[in-house]
Amino acid sequence: MDNVDNLENKIIEILKKNQITPIISGDPLLLGTIRIYEEKKLFNILNELKFLFKEYKSYSLSSYHVSSCCALSYEEIRYKIEI
């Protein structure tokens, strides 16, 4: 459980450093999503996450633009990590 808490705390640090309020869902050991409402910050956050995730056995990381007629559009980062 310490690995999960440690990883989640590091992800939250990256988001806070980029002035993003953490909205994280999923189990950080398996699959997680992060919503980024400020597109200009996406590149920095993705780079920092890549650097962090290189410490683990394997990972996948992707981002998608999500728009809706009834809500703010955002960038969604999806990640999967194998420890």
N, C-alpha and C. Protein backbone atom coordinates (compact mmCIF):
# COMPACT_ATOMS: atom_id res chain seq x y z
N MET A 1 0.82 -1.20 0.00
CA MET A 1 0.00 0.00 0.00
C MET A 1 0.86 1.26 0.00
N ASP A 2 2.06 1.20 0.60
CA ASP A 2 2.94 2.36 0.62
C ASP A 2 3.31 2.79 -0.79
N ASN A 3 3.54 1.82 -1.70
CA ASN A 3 3.88 2.16 -3.08
C ASN A 3 2.75 2.94 -3.75
N VAL A 4 1.52 2.55 -3.48
CA VAL A 4 0.36 3.23 -4.06
C VAL A 4 0.29 4.66 -3.53
N ASP A 5 0.39 4.82 -2.22
CA ASP A 5 0.32 6.15 -1.62
C ASP A 5 1.45 7.04 -2.10
N ASN A 6 2.66 6.49 -2.19
CA ASN A 6 3.82 7.24 -2.64
C ASN A 6 3.63 7.71 -4.08
N LEU A 7 3.18 6.81 -4.95
CA LEU A 7 2.97 7.16 -6.35
C LEU A 7 1.88 8.22 -6.48
N GLU A 8 0.79 8.03 -5.78
CA GLU A 8 -0.30 9.00 -5.85
C GLU A 8 0.16 10.37 -5.36
N ASN A 9 0.94 10.42 -4.29
CA ASN A 9 1.46 11.69 -3.78
C ASN A 9 2.37 12.37 -4.78
N LYS A 10 3.21 11.60 -5.49
CA LYS A 10 4.09 12.18 -6.50
C LYS A 10 3.30 12.76 -7.66
N ILE A 11 2.25 12.07 -8.08
CA ILE A 11 1.40 12.57 -9.16
C ILE A 11 0.72 13.86 -8.72
N ILE A 12 0.20 13.89 -7.51
CA ILE A 12 -0.45 15.10 -6.99
C ILE A 12 0.54 16.26 -6.90
N GLU A 13 1.79 15.99 -6.51
CA GLU A 13 2.83 17.03 -6.47
C GLU A 13 3.04 17.64 -7.85
N ILE A 14 3.10 16.81 -8.89
CA ILE A 14 3.29 17.29 -10.26
C ILE A 14 2.13 18.20 -10.65
N LEU A 15 0.91 17.79 -10.33
CA LEU A 15 -0.25 18.60 -10.69
C LEU A 15 -0.26 19.93 -9.94
N LYS A 16 0.01 19.88 -8.64
CA LYS A 16 0.00 21.11 -7.86
C LYS A 16 1.10 22.07 -8.31
N LYS A 17 2.26 21.54 -8.67
CA LYS A 17 3.36 22.37 -9.15
C LYS A 17 2.95 23.13 -10.42
N ASN A 18 2.07 22.52 -11.21
CA ASN A 18 1.59 23.15 -12.43
C ASN A 18 0.25 23.87 -12.22
N GLN A 19 -0.08 24.16 -10.96
CA GLN A 19 -1.30 24.86 -10.57
C GLN A 19 -2.56 24.18 -11.10
N ILE A 20 -2.59 22.86 -11.01
CA ILE A 20 -3.75 22.07 -11.40
C ILE A 20 -4.33 21.43 -10.15
N THR A 21 -5.61 21.61 -9.92
CA THR A 21 -6.27 20.96 -8.80
C THR A 21 -6.40 19.48 -9.13
N PRO A 22 -5.86 18.62 -8.30
CA PRO A 22 -5.89 17.18 -8.61
C PRO A 22 -7.32 16.63 -8.70
N ILE A 23 -7.64 16.06 -9.86
CA ILE A 23 -8.87 15.30 -10.04
C ILE A 23 -8.41 13.97 -10.61
N ILE A 24 -8.20 13.01 -9.75
CA ILE A 24 -7.64 11.73 -10.15
C ILE A 24 -8.66 10.64 -9.85
N SER A 25 -8.81 9.72 -10.78
CA SER A 25 -9.68 8.59 -10.51
C SER A 25 -8.96 7.32 -10.90
N GLY A 26 -9.36 6.23 -10.32
CA GLY A 26 -8.75 4.95 -10.64
C GLY A 26 -7.71 4.57 -9.61
N ASP A 27 -7.19 3.39 -9.76
CA ASP A 27 -6.15 2.85 -8.89
C ASP A 27 -4.81 3.16 -9.54
N PRO A 28 -3.96 3.97 -8.91
CA PRO A 28 -2.71 4.38 -9.54
C PRO A 28 -1.78 3.22 -9.88
N LEU A 29 -2.00 2.05 -9.30
CA LEU A 29 -1.17 0.91 -9.66
C LEU A 29 -1.59 0.29 -10.97
N LEU A 30 -2.82 0.47 -11.37
CA LEU A 30 -3.32 -0.18 -12.56
C LEU A 30 -3.67 0.83 -13.65
N LEU A 31 -4.68 1.62 -13.39
CA LEU A 31 -5.17 2.53 -14.41
C LEU A 31 -5.70 3.79 -13.73
N GLY A 32 -5.36 4.94 -14.27
CA GLY A 32 -5.84 6.19 -13.70
C GLY A 32 -6.12 7.20 -14.78
N THR A 33 -6.92 8.19 -14.46
CA THR A 33 -7.20 9.30 -15.37
C THR A 33 -7.04 10.61 -14.61
N ILE A 34 -6.58 11.61 -15.34
CA ILE A 34 -6.42 12.96 -14.79
C ILE A 34 -7.05 13.92 -15.79
N ARG A 35 -7.86 14.84 -15.30
CA ARG A 35 -8.45 15.86 -16.17
C ARG A 35 -7.65 17.15 -16.04
N ILE A 36 -7.32 17.73 -17.18
CA ILE A 36 -6.58 18.98 -17.24
C ILE A 36 -7.46 19.99 -18.00
N TYR A 37 -7.91 21.02 -17.31
CA TYR A 37 -8.78 22.02 -17.94
C TYR A 37 -8.00 23.16 -18.59
N GLU A 38 -6.69 23.21 -18.34
CA GLU A 38 -5.86 24.24 -18.96
C GLU A 38 -4.89 23.55 -19.92
N GLU A 39 -5.26 23.54 -21.18
CA GLU A 39 -4.53 22.80 -22.20
C GLU A 39 -3.05 23.18 -22.28
N LYS A 40 -2.72 24.43 -22.03
CA LYS A 40 -1.33 24.86 -22.16
C LYS A 40 -0.40 24.19 -21.14
N LYS A 41 -0.96 23.61 -20.08
CA LYS A 41 -0.16 22.94 -19.06
C LYS A 41 0.02 21.45 -19.34
N LEU A 42 -0.67 20.94 -20.33
CA LEU A 42 -0.66 19.51 -20.62
C LEU A 42 0.75 18.99 -20.93
N PHE A 43 1.48 19.68 -21.77
CA PHE A 43 2.80 19.23 -22.20
C PHE A 43 3.74 19.03 -21.01
N ASN A 44 3.80 20.02 -20.10
CA ASN A 44 4.68 19.91 -18.93
C ASN A 44 4.28 18.75 -18.03
N ILE A 45 2.99 18.60 -17.81
CA ILE A 45 2.51 17.53 -16.95
C ILE A 45 2.83 16.16 -17.55
N LEU A 46 2.60 16.00 -18.85
CA LEU A 46 2.92 14.72 -19.50
C LEU A 46 4.40 14.40 -19.38
N ASN A 47 5.26 15.38 -19.59
CA ASN A 47 6.70 15.15 -19.48
C ASN A 47 7.11 14.74 -18.07
N GLU A 48 6.55 15.41 -17.07
CA GLU A 48 6.88 15.06 -15.69
C GLU A 48 6.36 13.68 -15.31
N LEU A 49 5.18 13.33 -15.79
CA LEU A 49 4.65 12.00 -15.52
C LEU A 49 5.51 10.92 -16.18
N LYS A 50 5.96 11.16 -17.42
CA LYS A 50 6.84 10.21 -18.10
C LYS A 50 8.11 9.98 -17.29
N PHE A 51 8.68 11.06 -16.79
CA PHE A 51 9.90 10.96 -15.99
C PHE A 51 9.64 10.14 -14.72
N LEU A 52 8.52 10.39 -14.06
CA LEU A 52 8.15 9.65 -12.85
C LEU A 52 7.90 8.17 -13.14
N PHE A 53 7.16 7.90 -14.20
CA PHE A 53 6.76 6.52 -14.49
C PHE A 53 7.92 5.65 -14.98
N LYS A 54 9.01 6.25 -15.43
CA LYS A 54 10.17 5.46 -15.88
C LYS A 54 10.77 4.64 -14.75
N GLU A 55 10.43 4.99 -13.50
CA GLU A 55 10.93 4.25 -12.34
C GLU A 55 10.27 2.87 -12.21
N TYR A 56 9.18 2.65 -12.92
CA TYR A 56 8.40 1.42 -12.76
C TYR A 56 8.66 0.45 -13.90
N LYS A 57 8.23 -0.79 -13.71
CA LYS A 57 8.50 -1.87 -14.65
C LYS A 57 8.03 -1.51 -16.06
N SER A 58 6.80 -1.09 -16.20
CA SER A 58 6.29 -0.64 -17.50
C SER A 58 5.13 0.31 -17.27
N TYR A 59 4.84 1.11 -18.28
CA TYR A 59 3.73 2.04 -18.18
C TYR A 59 3.24 2.41 -19.57
N SER A 60 2.03 2.88 -19.65
CA SER A 60 1.51 3.51 -20.86
C SER A 60 0.88 4.83 -20.43
N LEU A 61 0.97 5.81 -21.31
CA LEU A 61 0.51 7.16 -21.00
C LEU A 61 -0.05 7.76 -22.28
N SER A 62 -1.27 8.28 -22.22
CA SER A 62 -1.86 8.91 -23.39
C SER A 62 -2.74 10.07 -22.96
N SER A 63 -3.05 10.95 -23.91
CA SER A 63 -3.94 12.06 -23.61
C SER A 63 -4.94 12.23 -24.75
N TYR A 64 -6.10 12.73 -24.40
CA TYR A 64 -7.20 12.91 -25.34
C TYR A 64 -7.90 14.23 -25.03
N HIS A 65 -8.37 14.88 -26.08
CA HIS A 65 -9.19 16.08 -25.91
C HIS A 65 -10.64 15.64 -25.80
N VAL A 66 -11.33 16.13 -24.78
CA VAL A 66 -12.73 15.77 -24.56
C VAL A 66 -13.55 17.06 -24.58
N SER A 67 -14.55 17.10 -25.44
CA SER A 67 -15.43 18.26 -25.46
C SER A 67 -16.88 17.80 -25.43
N SER A 68 -17.70 18.65 -24.86
CA SER A 68 -19.11 18.33 -24.69
C SER A 68 -19.93 19.57 -24.96
N CYS A 69 -21.15 19.37 -25.34
CA CYS A 69 -22.02 20.52 -25.57
C CYS A 69 -22.45 21.18 -24.26
N CYS A 70 -22.37 20.43 -23.17
CA CYS A 70 -22.94 20.91 -21.90
C CYS A 70 -21.90 21.16 -20.80
N ALA A 71 -20.62 20.99 -21.09
CA ALA A 71 -19.60 21.15 -20.05
C ALA A 71 -18.33 21.72 -20.67
N LEU A 72 -17.42 22.17 -19.80
CA LEU A 72 -16.13 22.66 -20.27
C LEU A 72 -15.35 21.54 -20.95
N SER A 73 -14.62 21.87 -21.99
CA SER A 73 -13.75 20.88 -22.61
C SER A 73 -12.50 20.74 -21.76
N TYR A 74 -11.84 19.59 -21.88
CA TYR A 74 -10.63 19.33 -21.10
C TYR A 74 -9.77 18.30 -21.80
N GLU A 75 -8.54 18.21 -21.33
CA GLU A 75 -7.62 17.18 -21.78
C GLU A 75 -7.66 16.07 -20.73
N GLU A 76 -7.75 14.85 -21.17
CA GLU A 76 -7.75 13.73 -20.24
C GLU A 76 -6.48 12.93 -20.43
N ILE A 77 -5.75 12.75 -19.35
CA ILE A 77 -4.56 11.92 -19.35
C ILE A 77 -4.95 10.57 -18.78
N ARG A 78 -4.60 9.51 -19.49
CA ARG A 78 -4.83 8.16 -19.00
C ARG A 78 -3.48 7.47 -18.84
N TYR A 79 -3.34 6.74 -17.76
CA TYR A 79 -2.09 6.03 -17.54
C TYR A 79 -2.35 4.64 -16.96
N LYS A 80 -1.42 3.75 -17.26
CA LYS A 80 -1.44 2.41 -16.70
C LYS A 80 -0.01 2.08 -16.30
N ILE A 81 0.14 1.57 -15.07
CA ILE A 81 1.47 1.31 -14.55
C ILE A 81 1.55 -0.11 -14.04
N GLU A 82 2.66 -0.77 -14.36
CA GLU A 82 2.95 -2.09 -13.79
C GLU A 82 4.18 -1.96 -12.92
N ILE A 83 4.04 -2.29 -11.65
CA ILE A 83 5.17 -2.18 -10.73
C ILE A 83 5.95 -3.47 -10.68
